[in-house]
Amino acid sequence: MPTGVEQLTVEPIARLIEEFSKLPGIGPKTASRLTFYLLRADAEQAHALADAITEVKDKTIYCSRCWNIATSDPCHVCTNPNRDQSMVCAVEEPLDVLAIERTGEYKGLYHVLHGAISPVEGINPEDLRIRELVNRVRTEPINEVIMATNPTLEGDATQIYIAREIVPLGVKVTKLARGLPVGGDLEYADEVTLGRALEARREI
């Protein structure tokens, strides 16, 4: 027979706590706080959250050119005639695109790799969007690929691998300056530091 918390937690509440707990960075206590916050909130707020979650799954896709999250294919960056079509910035995740855009320093295109090479975690080059990047370099008028991976061992390994694939094609491959903290994530860097790292990039 259930006792304690189990007696007090009805099935819909327990289910929501369990689903929140599956999110990255959300432990059982935080999941419980979020659940009981929504329980106390008015129905309109709870329904708005549910609708937003459904909409983000139903109405977002990956751009088939740069692999960033988009609502149209190609995305608004790839189709913007004011962007520099000869320059591509390769990042690990879609959030990194937002971080670079906030600097206001970069006016080229992007390519989202969706991760970094990490044999320890079983992530190999073929698991990322590296082949698509190399194909873009072969078929598009690209003169420079900026490697903006995170300043980690995995990010560095990814840079080196991609440089070996692209440099023989006659395209310059550069990387961000080390104004960024080693071991950190690009998405958490402030705009000034990230902007200066872009400006001071150097060839790999």
N, C-alpha and C. Protein backbone atom coordinates (compact mmCIF):
# COMPACT_ATOMS: atom_id res chain seq x y z
N MET A 1 0.85 -1.19 0.00
CA MET A 1 0.00 0.00 0.00
C MET A 1 0.89 1.24 0.00
N PRO A 2 0.64 2.27 -0.90
CA PRO A 2 1.49 3.45 -0.98
C PRO A 2 1.43 4.28 0.29
N THR A 3 2.55 4.87 0.66
CA THR A 3 2.62 5.69 1.87
C THR A 3 3.26 7.02 1.55
N GLY A 4 3.19 7.97 2.50
CA GLY A 4 3.91 9.23 2.40
C GLY A 4 3.56 10.01 1.16
N VAL A 5 4.63 10.41 0.43
CA VAL A 5 4.47 11.23 -0.77
C VAL A 5 3.62 10.53 -1.82
N GLU A 6 3.77 9.18 -1.93
CA GLU A 6 3.03 8.45 -2.95
C GLU A 6 1.53 8.58 -2.73
N GLN A 7 1.08 8.64 -1.45
CA GLN A 7 -0.33 8.80 -1.16
C GLN A 7 -0.83 10.17 -1.59
N LEU A 8 0.01 11.17 -1.50
CA LEU A 8 -0.38 12.54 -1.78
C LEU A 8 -0.28 12.89 -3.27
N THR A 9 0.49 12.14 -4.03
CA THR A 9 0.74 12.48 -5.43
C THR A 9 -0.19 11.69 -6.34
N VAL A 10 -1.20 12.36 -6.86
CA VAL A 10 -2.13 11.70 -7.77
C VAL A 10 -1.46 11.49 -9.12
N GLU A 11 -2.02 10.60 -9.93
CA GLU A 11 -1.36 10.15 -11.16
C GLU A 11 -0.99 11.27 -12.12
N PRO A 12 -1.87 12.24 -12.45
CA PRO A 12 -1.47 13.30 -13.38
C PRO A 12 -0.30 14.13 -12.88
N ILE A 13 -0.26 14.38 -11.57
CA ILE A 13 0.84 15.16 -10.99
C ILE A 13 2.14 14.36 -11.04
N ALA A 14 2.05 13.10 -10.68
CA ALA A 14 3.24 12.24 -10.72
C ALA A 14 3.79 12.14 -12.13
N ARG A 15 2.89 12.07 -13.11
CA ARG A 15 3.33 11.97 -14.51
C ARG A 15 4.05 13.24 -14.95
N LEU A 16 3.52 14.41 -14.57
CA LEU A 16 4.15 15.67 -14.97
C LEU A 16 5.52 15.82 -14.30
N ILE A 17 5.61 15.44 -13.03
CA ILE A 17 6.91 15.49 -12.33
C ILE A 17 7.91 14.60 -13.05
N GLU A 18 7.47 13.42 -13.45
CA GLU A 18 8.35 12.48 -14.15
C GLU A 18 8.83 13.06 -15.49
N GLU A 19 7.92 13.69 -16.23
CA GLU A 19 8.29 14.26 -17.53
C GLU A 19 9.25 15.44 -17.36
N PHE A 20 9.00 16.31 -16.37
CA PHE A 20 9.93 17.42 -16.12
C PHE A 20 11.32 16.89 -15.74
N SER A 21 11.35 15.78 -14.99
CA SER A 21 12.63 15.22 -14.53
C SER A 21 13.49 14.71 -15.68
N LYS A 22 12.87 14.45 -16.83
CA LYS A 22 13.61 13.96 -17.99
C LYS A 22 14.36 15.07 -18.70
N LEU A 23 14.03 16.33 -18.39
CA LEU A 23 14.68 17.46 -19.05
C LEU A 23 16.09 17.65 -18.49
N PRO A 24 17.04 18.10 -19.32
CA PRO A 24 18.42 18.30 -18.83
C PRO A 24 18.49 19.39 -17.77
N GLY A 25 19.19 19.10 -16.69
CA GLY A 25 19.36 20.08 -15.62
C GLY A 25 18.20 20.16 -14.65
N ILE A 26 17.18 19.33 -14.85
CA ILE A 26 16.01 19.35 -13.96
C ILE A 26 16.01 18.09 -13.10
N GLY A 27 16.24 18.27 -11.80
CA GLY A 27 16.19 17.15 -10.87
C GLY A 27 14.79 16.96 -10.32
N PRO A 28 14.60 15.95 -9.47
CA PRO A 28 13.27 15.67 -8.92
C PRO A 28 12.66 16.84 -8.13
N LYS A 29 13.49 17.55 -7.36
CA LYS A 29 12.96 18.67 -6.56
C LYS A 29 12.49 19.81 -7.46
N THR A 30 13.32 20.16 -8.45
CA THR A 30 12.92 21.22 -9.37
C THR A 30 11.70 20.81 -10.17
N ALA A 31 11.65 19.55 -10.58
CA ALA A 31 10.49 19.04 -11.32
C ALA A 31 9.22 19.17 -10.47
N SER A 32 9.34 18.88 -9.18
CA SER A 32 8.18 19.00 -8.29
C SER A 32 7.75 20.45 -8.14
N ARG A 33 8.72 21.36 -8.00
CA ARG A 33 8.39 22.78 -7.87
C ARG A 33 7.69 23.31 -9.11
N LEU A 34 8.19 22.92 -10.29
CA LEU A 34 7.56 23.36 -11.53
C LEU A 34 6.14 22.82 -11.64
N THR A 35 5.98 21.57 -11.27
CA THR A 35 4.65 20.94 -11.35
C THR A 35 3.65 21.64 -10.44
N PHE A 36 4.03 21.90 -9.20
CA PHE A 36 3.09 22.52 -8.27
C PHE A 36 2.89 24.00 -8.57
N TYR A 37 3.87 24.64 -9.23
CA TYR A 37 3.66 26.00 -9.70
C TYR A 37 2.55 26.02 -10.74
N LEU A 38 2.63 25.09 -11.71
CA LEU A 38 1.59 25.02 -12.74
C LEU A 38 0.24 24.63 -12.16
N LEU A 39 0.27 23.81 -11.12
CA LEU A 39 -0.98 23.40 -10.47
C LEU A 39 -1.69 24.60 -9.85
N ARG A 40 -0.90 25.54 -9.31
CA ARG A 40 -1.47 26.74 -8.69
C ARG A 40 -1.80 27.83 -9.71
N ALA A 41 -1.13 27.78 -10.87
CA ALA A 41 -1.35 28.80 -11.90
C ALA A 41 -2.74 28.67 -12.50
N ASP A 42 -3.21 29.76 -13.13
CA ASP A 42 -4.52 29.67 -13.76
C ASP A 42 -4.45 28.78 -15.00
N ALA A 43 -5.61 28.31 -15.42
CA ALA A 43 -5.68 27.37 -16.54
C ALA A 43 -5.11 27.96 -17.81
N GLU A 44 -5.28 29.28 -18.02
CA GLU A 44 -4.80 29.92 -19.23
C GLU A 44 -3.29 29.80 -19.37
N GLN A 45 -2.56 30.00 -18.25
CA GLN A 45 -1.10 29.91 -18.30
C GLN A 45 -0.64 28.48 -18.58
N ALA A 46 -1.29 27.51 -17.95
CA ALA A 46 -0.93 26.11 -18.15
C ALA A 46 -1.19 25.69 -19.60
N HIS A 47 -2.32 26.12 -20.16
CA HIS A 47 -2.65 25.77 -21.53
C HIS A 47 -1.71 26.46 -22.51
N ALA A 48 -1.29 27.69 -22.19
CA ALA A 48 -0.36 28.42 -23.06
C ALA A 48 0.98 27.68 -23.13
N LEU A 49 1.45 27.16 -21.99
CA LEU A 49 2.69 26.40 -21.97
C LEU A 49 2.56 25.12 -22.79
N ALA A 50 1.44 24.42 -22.60
CA ALA A 50 1.22 23.18 -23.35
C ALA A 50 1.17 23.46 -24.85
N ASP A 51 0.50 24.55 -25.25
CA ASP A 51 0.40 24.91 -26.67
C ASP A 51 1.77 25.26 -27.24
N ALA A 52 2.60 25.98 -26.45
CA ALA A 52 3.92 26.38 -26.91
C ALA A 52 4.81 25.15 -27.14
N ILE A 53 4.71 24.17 -26.26
CA ILE A 53 5.50 22.94 -26.40
C ILE A 53 5.06 22.18 -27.65
N THR A 54 3.75 22.09 -27.85
CA THR A 54 3.23 21.39 -29.03
C THR A 54 3.65 22.11 -30.31
N GLU A 55 3.57 23.45 -30.29
CA GLU A 55 3.87 24.23 -31.48
C GLU A 55 5.34 24.11 -31.88
N VAL A 56 6.22 24.07 -30.88
CA VAL A 56 7.66 24.01 -31.20
C VAL A 56 8.01 22.67 -31.86
N LYS A 57 7.23 21.64 -31.55
CA LYS A 57 7.47 20.34 -32.19
C LYS A 57 6.80 20.24 -33.56
N ASP A 58 5.64 20.89 -33.68
CA ASP A 58 4.86 20.77 -34.92
C ASP A 58 5.32 21.73 -36.01
N LYS A 59 5.89 22.88 -35.63
CA LYS A 59 6.14 23.94 -36.60
C LYS A 59 7.62 24.26 -36.84
N THR A 60 8.52 23.52 -36.22
CA THR A 60 9.94 23.77 -36.46
C THR A 60 10.56 22.59 -37.20
N ILE A 61 11.53 22.91 -38.07
CA ILE A 61 12.23 21.91 -38.87
C ILE A 61 13.71 22.25 -38.87
N TYR A 62 14.51 21.43 -39.52
CA TYR A 62 15.91 21.75 -39.73
C TYR A 62 16.10 22.24 -41.16
N CYS A 63 16.81 23.34 -41.30
CA CYS A 63 17.13 23.85 -42.63
C CYS A 63 18.02 22.83 -43.34
N SER A 64 17.67 22.46 -44.55
CA SER A 64 18.42 21.43 -45.27
C SER A 64 19.76 21.94 -45.79
N ARG A 65 20.02 23.23 -45.66
CA ARG A 65 21.29 23.79 -46.10
C ARG A 65 22.26 23.96 -44.93
N CYS A 66 21.81 24.60 -43.86
CA CYS A 66 22.72 24.88 -42.73
C CYS A 66 22.43 24.04 -41.50
N TRP A 67 21.29 23.33 -41.47
CA TRP A 67 20.91 22.45 -40.37
C TRP A 67 20.61 23.19 -39.07
N ASN A 68 20.29 24.48 -39.19
CA ASN A 68 19.82 25.22 -38.02
C ASN A 68 18.31 25.00 -37.87
N ILE A 69 17.78 25.25 -36.69
CA ILE A 69 16.34 25.16 -36.46
C ILE A 69 15.66 26.29 -37.22
N ALA A 70 14.56 25.98 -37.90
CA ALA A 70 13.88 26.97 -38.72
C ALA A 70 12.40 26.67 -38.81
N THR A 71 11.66 27.62 -39.36
CA THR A 71 10.25 27.41 -39.64
C THR A 71 10.01 27.30 -41.14
N SER A 72 11.06 27.50 -41.93
CA SER A 72 10.97 27.35 -43.38
C SER A 72 12.27 26.76 -43.88
N ASP A 73 12.23 26.17 -45.07
CA ASP A 73 13.41 25.54 -45.65
C ASP A 73 13.60 26.01 -47.08
N PRO A 74 14.71 26.71 -47.39
CA PRO A 74 15.83 27.11 -46.52
C PRO A 74 15.39 28.15 -45.47
N CYS A 75 16.22 28.32 -44.46
CA CYS A 75 15.89 29.24 -43.36
C CYS A 75 16.09 30.70 -43.78
N HIS A 76 15.69 31.60 -42.90
CA HIS A 76 15.74 33.04 -43.23
C HIS A 76 17.17 33.56 -43.35
N VAL A 77 18.13 32.92 -42.68
CA VAL A 77 19.53 33.35 -42.81
C VAL A 77 20.08 32.93 -44.17
N CYS A 78 19.83 31.68 -44.55
CA CYS A 78 20.35 31.18 -45.83
C CYS A 78 19.76 31.94 -47.03
N THR A 79 18.54 32.44 -46.89
CA THR A 79 17.89 33.12 -48.02
C THR A 79 18.05 34.63 -47.97
N ASN A 80 18.77 35.14 -46.97
CA ASN A 80 18.95 36.58 -46.83
C ASN A 80 20.03 37.06 -47.81
N PRO A 81 19.67 37.87 -48.81
CA PRO A 81 20.65 38.32 -49.81
C PRO A 81 21.72 39.24 -49.24
N ASN A 82 21.49 39.76 -48.04
CA ASN A 82 22.47 40.66 -47.42
C ASN A 82 23.55 39.92 -46.64
N ARG A 83 23.43 38.60 -46.50
CA ARG A 83 24.45 37.82 -45.80
C ARG A 83 25.58 37.49 -46.78
N ASP A 84 26.81 37.44 -46.25
CA ASP A 84 27.99 37.12 -47.05
C ASP A 84 27.97 35.62 -47.39
N GLN A 85 27.73 35.30 -48.65
CA GLN A 85 27.60 33.90 -49.08
C GLN A 85 28.95 33.18 -49.19
N SER A 86 30.04 33.92 -49.05
CA SER A 86 31.36 33.31 -49.19
C SER A 86 31.96 32.85 -47.87
N MET A 87 31.22 33.05 -46.78
CA MET A 87 31.74 32.76 -45.44
C MET A 87 30.73 31.92 -44.66
N VAL A 88 31.20 30.82 -44.07
CA VAL A 88 30.35 29.94 -43.28
C VAL A 88 30.96 29.75 -41.90
N CYS A 89 30.15 29.94 -40.88
CA CYS A 89 30.59 29.73 -39.49
C CYS A 89 30.00 28.41 -39.00
N ALA A 90 30.87 27.45 -38.67
CA ALA A 90 30.43 26.13 -38.21
C ALA A 90 30.37 26.11 -36.69
N VAL A 91 29.21 25.76 -36.14
CA VAL A 91 29.00 25.72 -34.69
C VAL A 91 28.48 24.34 -34.29
N GLU A 92 28.54 24.07 -33.00
CA GLU A 92 28.09 22.76 -32.52
C GLU A 92 26.58 22.66 -32.43
N GLU A 93 25.92 23.70 -31.90
CA GLU A 93 24.49 23.62 -31.63
C GLU A 93 23.76 24.88 -32.09
N PRO A 94 22.44 24.79 -32.32
CA PRO A 94 21.65 25.97 -32.71
C PRO A 94 21.77 27.14 -31.75
N LEU A 95 21.91 26.87 -30.45
CA LEU A 95 22.05 27.96 -29.47
C LEU A 95 23.30 28.79 -29.73
N ASP A 96 24.34 28.17 -30.33
CA ASP A 96 25.57 28.89 -30.63
C ASP A 96 25.33 29.93 -31.73
N VAL A 97 24.41 29.64 -32.64
CA VAL A 97 24.06 30.62 -33.68
C VAL A 97 23.48 31.88 -33.02
N LEU A 98 22.59 31.68 -32.06
CA LEU A 98 22.00 32.82 -31.36
C LEU A 98 23.07 33.64 -30.64
N ALA A 99 24.04 32.95 -30.02
CA ALA A 99 25.11 33.64 -29.29
C ALA A 99 25.94 34.50 -30.24
N ILE A 100 26.27 33.98 -31.41
CA ILE A 100 27.07 34.74 -32.38
C ILE A 100 26.27 35.89 -32.97
N GLU A 101 25.00 35.66 -33.24
CA GLU A 101 24.15 36.72 -33.80
C GLU A 101 24.03 37.90 -32.84
N ARG A 102 24.04 37.61 -31.54
CA ARG A 102 23.94 38.68 -30.55
C ARG A 102 25.13 39.62 -30.59
N THR A 103 26.28 39.17 -31.09
CA THR A 103 27.46 40.03 -31.13
C THR A 103 27.31 41.12 -32.18
N GLY A 104 26.53 40.87 -33.22
CA GLY A 104 26.38 41.83 -34.30
C GLY A 104 27.61 41.95 -35.18
N GLU A 105 28.61 41.08 -34.97
CA GLU A 105 29.89 41.17 -35.70
C GLU A 105 29.93 40.29 -36.95
N TYR A 106 29.05 39.31 -37.03
CA TYR A 106 29.15 38.32 -38.10
C TYR A 106 28.00 38.48 -39.08
N LYS A 107 28.31 38.51 -40.37
CA LYS A 107 27.29 38.71 -41.40
C LYS A 107 27.29 37.60 -42.45
N GLY A 108 27.94 36.49 -42.17
CA GLY A 108 27.98 35.38 -43.12
C GLY A 108 26.90 34.36 -42.85
N LEU A 109 27.12 33.14 -43.35
CA LEU A 109 26.18 32.04 -43.18
C LEU A 109 26.63 31.13 -42.03
N TYR A 110 25.82 30.14 -41.73
CA TYR A 110 26.13 29.20 -40.63
C TYR A 110 26.05 27.76 -41.12
N HIS A 111 26.63 26.88 -40.29
CA HIS A 111 26.43 25.44 -40.47
C HIS A 111 26.44 24.82 -39.08
N VAL A 112 25.35 24.17 -38.71
CA VAL A 112 25.22 23.58 -37.38
C VAL A 112 25.60 22.10 -37.46
N LEU A 113 26.61 21.72 -36.70
CA LEU A 113 27.13 20.34 -36.74
C LEU A 113 26.31 19.38 -35.90
N HIS A 114 25.59 19.90 -34.92
CA HIS A 114 24.79 19.10 -33.97
C HIS A 114 25.67 18.19 -33.14
N GLY A 115 26.69 18.80 -32.53
CA GLY A 115 27.56 18.08 -31.62
C GLY A 115 29.03 18.25 -31.96
N ALA A 116 29.86 17.51 -31.26
CA ALA A 116 31.31 17.51 -31.49
C ALA A 116 31.81 16.08 -31.42
N ILE A 117 32.92 15.83 -32.10
CA ILE A 117 33.49 14.49 -32.11
C ILE A 117 33.93 14.10 -30.70
N SER A 118 33.43 12.95 -30.23
CA SER A 118 33.78 12.48 -28.89
C SER A 118 33.73 10.95 -28.86
N PRO A 119 34.85 10.29 -29.19
CA PRO A 119 34.87 8.82 -29.21
C PRO A 119 34.45 8.21 -27.86
N VAL A 120 34.77 8.90 -26.77
CA VAL A 120 34.41 8.38 -25.45
C VAL A 120 32.90 8.24 -25.31
N GLU A 121 32.17 9.20 -25.90
CA GLU A 121 30.71 9.17 -25.84
C GLU A 121 30.10 8.48 -27.06
N GLY A 122 30.96 7.93 -27.89
CA GLY A 122 30.46 7.23 -29.07
C GLY A 122 30.00 8.14 -30.19
N ILE A 123 30.47 9.41 -30.20
CA ILE A 123 30.09 10.35 -31.25
C ILE A 123 31.23 10.45 -32.25
N ASN A 124 31.01 9.92 -33.43
CA ASN A 124 32.01 9.90 -34.49
C ASN A 124 31.68 10.93 -35.57
N PRO A 125 32.63 11.23 -36.47
CA PRO A 125 32.37 12.24 -37.51
C PRO A 125 31.11 11.99 -38.32
N GLU A 126 30.81 10.71 -38.60
CA GLU A 126 29.64 10.40 -39.40
C GLU A 126 28.33 10.64 -38.66
N ASP A 127 28.41 10.85 -37.34
CA ASP A 127 27.21 11.14 -36.56
C ASP A 127 26.85 12.63 -36.60
N LEU A 128 27.76 13.45 -37.11
CA LEU A 128 27.55 14.89 -37.17
C LEU A 128 27.26 15.32 -38.61
N ARG A 129 26.99 16.62 -38.80
CA ARG A 129 26.69 17.15 -40.13
C ARG A 129 27.96 17.66 -40.81
N ILE A 130 29.04 16.87 -40.67
CA ILE A 130 30.32 17.25 -41.27
C ILE A 130 30.31 17.01 -42.77
N ARG A 131 29.77 15.87 -43.18
CA ARG A 131 29.73 15.56 -44.61
C ARG A 131 28.95 16.63 -45.38
N GLU A 132 27.86 17.11 -44.77
CA GLU A 132 27.06 18.16 -45.41
C GLU A 132 27.85 19.46 -45.54
N LEU A 133 28.69 19.75 -44.54
CA LEU A 133 29.53 20.95 -44.60
C LEU A 133 30.55 20.84 -45.72
N VAL A 134 31.20 19.70 -45.83
CA VAL A 134 32.19 19.50 -46.88
C VAL A 134 31.53 19.60 -48.26
N ASN A 135 30.32 19.06 -48.39
CA ASN A 135 29.60 19.15 -49.66
C ASN A 135 29.26 20.60 -50.01
N ARG A 136 28.95 21.40 -48.99
CA ARG A 136 28.67 22.82 -49.23
C ARG A 136 29.91 23.53 -49.75
N VAL A 137 31.05 23.20 -49.16
CA VAL A 137 32.30 23.83 -49.60
C VAL A 137 32.59 23.46 -51.06
N ARG A 138 32.26 22.23 -51.43
CA ARG A 138 32.51 21.78 -52.80
C ARG A 138 31.57 22.43 -53.81
N THR A 139 30.35 22.72 -53.39
CA THR A 139 29.33 23.15 -54.36
C THR A 139 28.95 24.63 -54.27
N GLU A 140 29.31 25.30 -53.18
CA GLU A 140 28.94 26.70 -53.01
C GLU A 140 30.18 27.59 -53.10
N PRO A 141 30.00 28.89 -53.41
CA PRO A 141 31.15 29.80 -53.54
C PRO A 141 31.70 30.24 -52.18
N ILE A 142 32.15 29.28 -51.38
CA ILE A 142 32.64 29.55 -50.03
C ILE A 142 34.15 29.72 -50.04
N ASN A 143 34.62 30.82 -49.46
CA ASN A 143 36.06 31.11 -49.40
C ASN A 143 36.65 30.84 -48.02
N GLU A 144 35.80 30.87 -46.99
CA GLU A 144 36.30 30.69 -45.62
C GLU A 144 35.27 29.96 -44.77
N VAL A 145 35.78 29.01 -43.97
CA VAL A 145 34.97 28.33 -42.97
C VAL A 145 35.52 28.70 -41.60
N ILE A 146 34.71 29.34 -40.78
CA ILE A 146 35.12 29.71 -39.43
C ILE A 146 34.67 28.61 -38.47
N MET A 147 35.61 27.99 -37.80
CA MET A 147 35.27 26.96 -36.82
C MET A 147 34.99 27.61 -35.47
N ALA A 148 33.72 27.59 -35.08
CA ALA A 148 33.32 28.21 -33.81
C ALA A 148 32.78 27.14 -32.86
N THR A 149 33.54 26.05 -32.74
CA THR A 149 33.17 25.01 -31.79
C THR A 149 33.57 25.46 -30.38
N ASN A 150 33.04 24.78 -29.38
CA ASN A 150 33.37 25.13 -27.99
C ASN A 150 34.85 24.88 -27.70
N PRO A 151 35.45 25.71 -26.85
CA PRO A 151 36.88 25.54 -26.52
C PRO A 151 37.12 24.39 -25.56
N THR A 152 36.82 23.17 -26.04
CA THR A 152 37.00 21.94 -25.26
C THR A 152 37.84 20.97 -26.09
N LEU A 153 38.24 19.86 -25.48
CA LEU A 153 39.00 18.85 -26.22
C LEU A 153 38.18 18.32 -27.40
N GLU A 154 36.87 18.14 -27.18
CA GLU A 154 36.01 17.64 -28.24
C GLU A 154 35.87 18.68 -29.36
N GLY A 155 35.74 19.95 -28.96
CA GLY A 155 35.63 21.02 -29.95
C GLY A 155 36.89 21.14 -30.77
N ASP A 156 38.05 21.03 -30.11
CA ASP A 156 39.33 21.11 -30.82
C ASP A 156 39.51 19.94 -31.79
N ALA A 157 39.11 18.73 -31.34
CA ALA A 157 39.22 17.56 -32.20
C ALA A 157 38.35 17.71 -33.45
N THR A 158 37.18 18.32 -33.26
CA THR A 158 36.27 18.53 -34.38
C THR A 158 36.85 19.54 -35.36
N GLN A 159 37.47 20.60 -34.84
CA GLN A 159 38.11 21.60 -35.69
C GLN A 159 39.19 20.96 -36.56
N ILE A 160 40.04 20.19 -35.93
CA ILE A 160 41.17 19.58 -36.65
C ILE A 160 40.66 18.63 -37.73
N TYR A 161 39.66 17.83 -37.40
CA TYR A 161 39.12 16.87 -38.37
C TYR A 161 38.54 17.60 -39.57
N ILE A 162 37.74 18.64 -39.32
CA ILE A 162 37.12 19.37 -40.42
C ILE A 162 38.15 20.11 -41.26
N ALA A 163 39.17 20.67 -40.61
CA ALA A 163 40.23 21.36 -41.35
C ALA A 163 40.93 20.41 -42.31
N ARG A 164 41.17 19.19 -41.87
CA ARG A 164 41.82 18.20 -42.73
C ARG A 164 40.97 17.86 -43.95
N GLU A 165 39.66 17.97 -43.80
CA GLU A 165 38.75 17.67 -44.91
C GLU A 165 38.62 18.83 -45.88
N ILE A 166 38.69 20.06 -45.35
CA ILE A 166 38.35 21.23 -46.16
C ILE A 166 39.57 21.96 -46.75
N VAL A 167 40.66 22.04 -46.00
CA VAL A 167 41.84 22.77 -46.48
C VAL A 167 42.33 22.26 -47.84
N PRO A 168 42.37 20.92 -48.09
CA PRO A 168 42.80 20.44 -49.40
C PRO A 168 41.90 20.90 -50.56
N LEU A 169 40.70 21.39 -50.23
CA LEU A 169 39.79 21.88 -51.27
C LEU A 169 40.08 23.32 -51.65
N GLY A 170 41.11 23.91 -51.01
CA GLY A 170 41.50 25.27 -51.34
C GLY A 170 40.71 26.34 -50.62
N VAL A 171 40.04 25.98 -49.55
CA VAL A 171 39.24 26.94 -48.77
C VAL A 171 39.92 27.18 -47.42
N LYS A 172 39.98 28.45 -47.02
CA LYS A 172 40.61 28.82 -45.76
C LYS A 172 39.74 28.38 -44.58
N VAL A 173 40.37 27.78 -43.57
CA VAL A 173 39.67 27.37 -42.35
C VAL A 173 40.29 28.13 -41.19
N THR A 174 39.47 28.89 -40.48
CA THR A 174 39.95 29.67 -39.34
C THR A 174 39.22 29.24 -38.07
N LYS A 175 39.77 29.64 -36.92
CA LYS A 175 39.11 29.34 -35.65
C LYS A 175 39.09 30.58 -34.80
N LEU A 176 38.18 30.60 -33.83
CA LEU A 176 38.05 31.76 -32.95
C LEU A 176 39.30 31.94 -32.10
N ALA A 177 39.60 33.20 -31.78
CA ALA A 177 40.73 33.49 -30.89
C ALA A 177 40.43 32.95 -29.51
N ARG A 178 41.46 32.73 -28.72
CA ARG A 178 41.29 32.14 -27.40
C ARG A 178 40.95 33.17 -26.33
N GLY A 179 40.10 34.12 -26.64
CA GLY A 179 39.58 34.99 -25.60
C GLY A 179 38.50 34.27 -24.81
N LEU A 180 38.09 33.12 -25.34
CA LEU A 180 37.05 32.32 -24.70
C LEU A 180 37.67 31.41 -23.65
N PRO A 181 36.99 31.19 -22.52
CA PRO A 181 37.53 30.31 -21.47
C PRO A 181 37.56 28.87 -21.94
N VAL A 182 38.70 28.21 -21.74
CA VAL A 182 38.85 26.82 -22.13
C VAL A 182 37.91 25.96 -21.30
N GLY A 183 37.21 25.06 -21.99
CA GLY A 183 36.28 24.18 -21.30
C GLY A 183 34.88 24.73 -21.19
N GLY A 184 34.65 25.98 -21.66
CA GLY A 184 33.34 26.58 -21.56
C GLY A 184 32.49 26.32 -22.79
N ASP A 185 31.23 26.76 -22.73
CA ASP A 185 30.32 26.63 -23.85
C ASP A 185 30.12 27.98 -24.51
N LEU A 186 30.08 27.98 -25.83
CA LEU A 186 29.96 29.21 -26.61
C LEU A 186 28.71 29.99 -26.23
N GLU A 187 27.62 29.30 -25.97
CA GLU A 187 26.34 29.96 -25.73
C GLU A 187 26.36 30.82 -24.46
N TYR A 188 27.31 30.56 -23.55
CA TYR A 188 27.37 31.32 -22.30
C TYR A 188 28.36 32.48 -22.35
N ALA A 189 29.08 32.62 -23.46
CA ALA A 189 30.05 33.71 -23.57
C ALA A 189 29.33 35.04 -23.77
N ASP A 190 29.88 36.10 -23.19
CA ASP A 190 29.25 37.41 -23.38
C ASP A 190 29.53 37.92 -24.78
N GLU A 191 28.70 38.87 -25.22
CA GLU A 191 28.77 39.35 -26.61
C GLU A 191 30.11 39.98 -26.95
N VAL A 192 30.70 40.75 -26.02
CA VAL A 192 31.97 41.44 -26.29
C VAL A 192 33.10 40.42 -26.50
N THR A 193 33.21 39.45 -25.58
CA THR A 193 34.26 38.43 -25.69
C THR A 193 34.11 37.63 -26.97
N LEU A 194 32.88 37.22 -27.28
CA LEU A 194 32.64 36.42 -28.47
C LEU A 194 32.90 37.23 -29.73
N GLY A 195 32.52 38.51 -29.71
CA GLY A 195 32.77 39.37 -30.87
C GLY A 195 34.24 39.55 -31.13
N ARG A 196 35.03 39.73 -30.07
CA ARG A 196 36.48 39.89 -30.24
C ARG A 196 37.12 38.59 -30.71
N ALA A 197 36.60 37.46 -30.24
CA ALA A 197 37.13 36.18 -30.68
C ALA A 197 36.89 35.97 -32.18
N LEU A 198 35.77 36.47 -32.67
CA LEU A 198 35.46 36.40 -34.10
C LEU A 198 36.42 37.28 -34.90
N GLU A 199 36.62 38.49 -34.41
CA GLU A 199 37.50 39.44 -35.11
C GLU A 199 38.93 38.95 -35.19
N ALA A 200 39.39 38.31 -34.11
CA ALA A 200 40.80 37.89 -34.01
C ALA A 200 41.01 36.44 -34.42
N ARG A 201 40.07 35.87 -35.17
CA ARG A 201 40.21 34.49 -35.58
C ARG A 201 41.48 34.28 -36.40
N ARG A 202 42.00 33.05 -36.39
CA ARG A 202 43.21 32.74 -37.14
C ARG A 202 43.07 31.41 -37.83
N GLU A 203 43.93 31.16 -38.79
CA GLU A 203 43.83 29.93 -39.57
C GLU A 203 44.23 28.73 -38.74
N ILE A 204 43.60 27.61 -39.04
CA ILE A 204 43.92 26.35 -38.35
C ILE A 204 45.06 25.67 -39.10
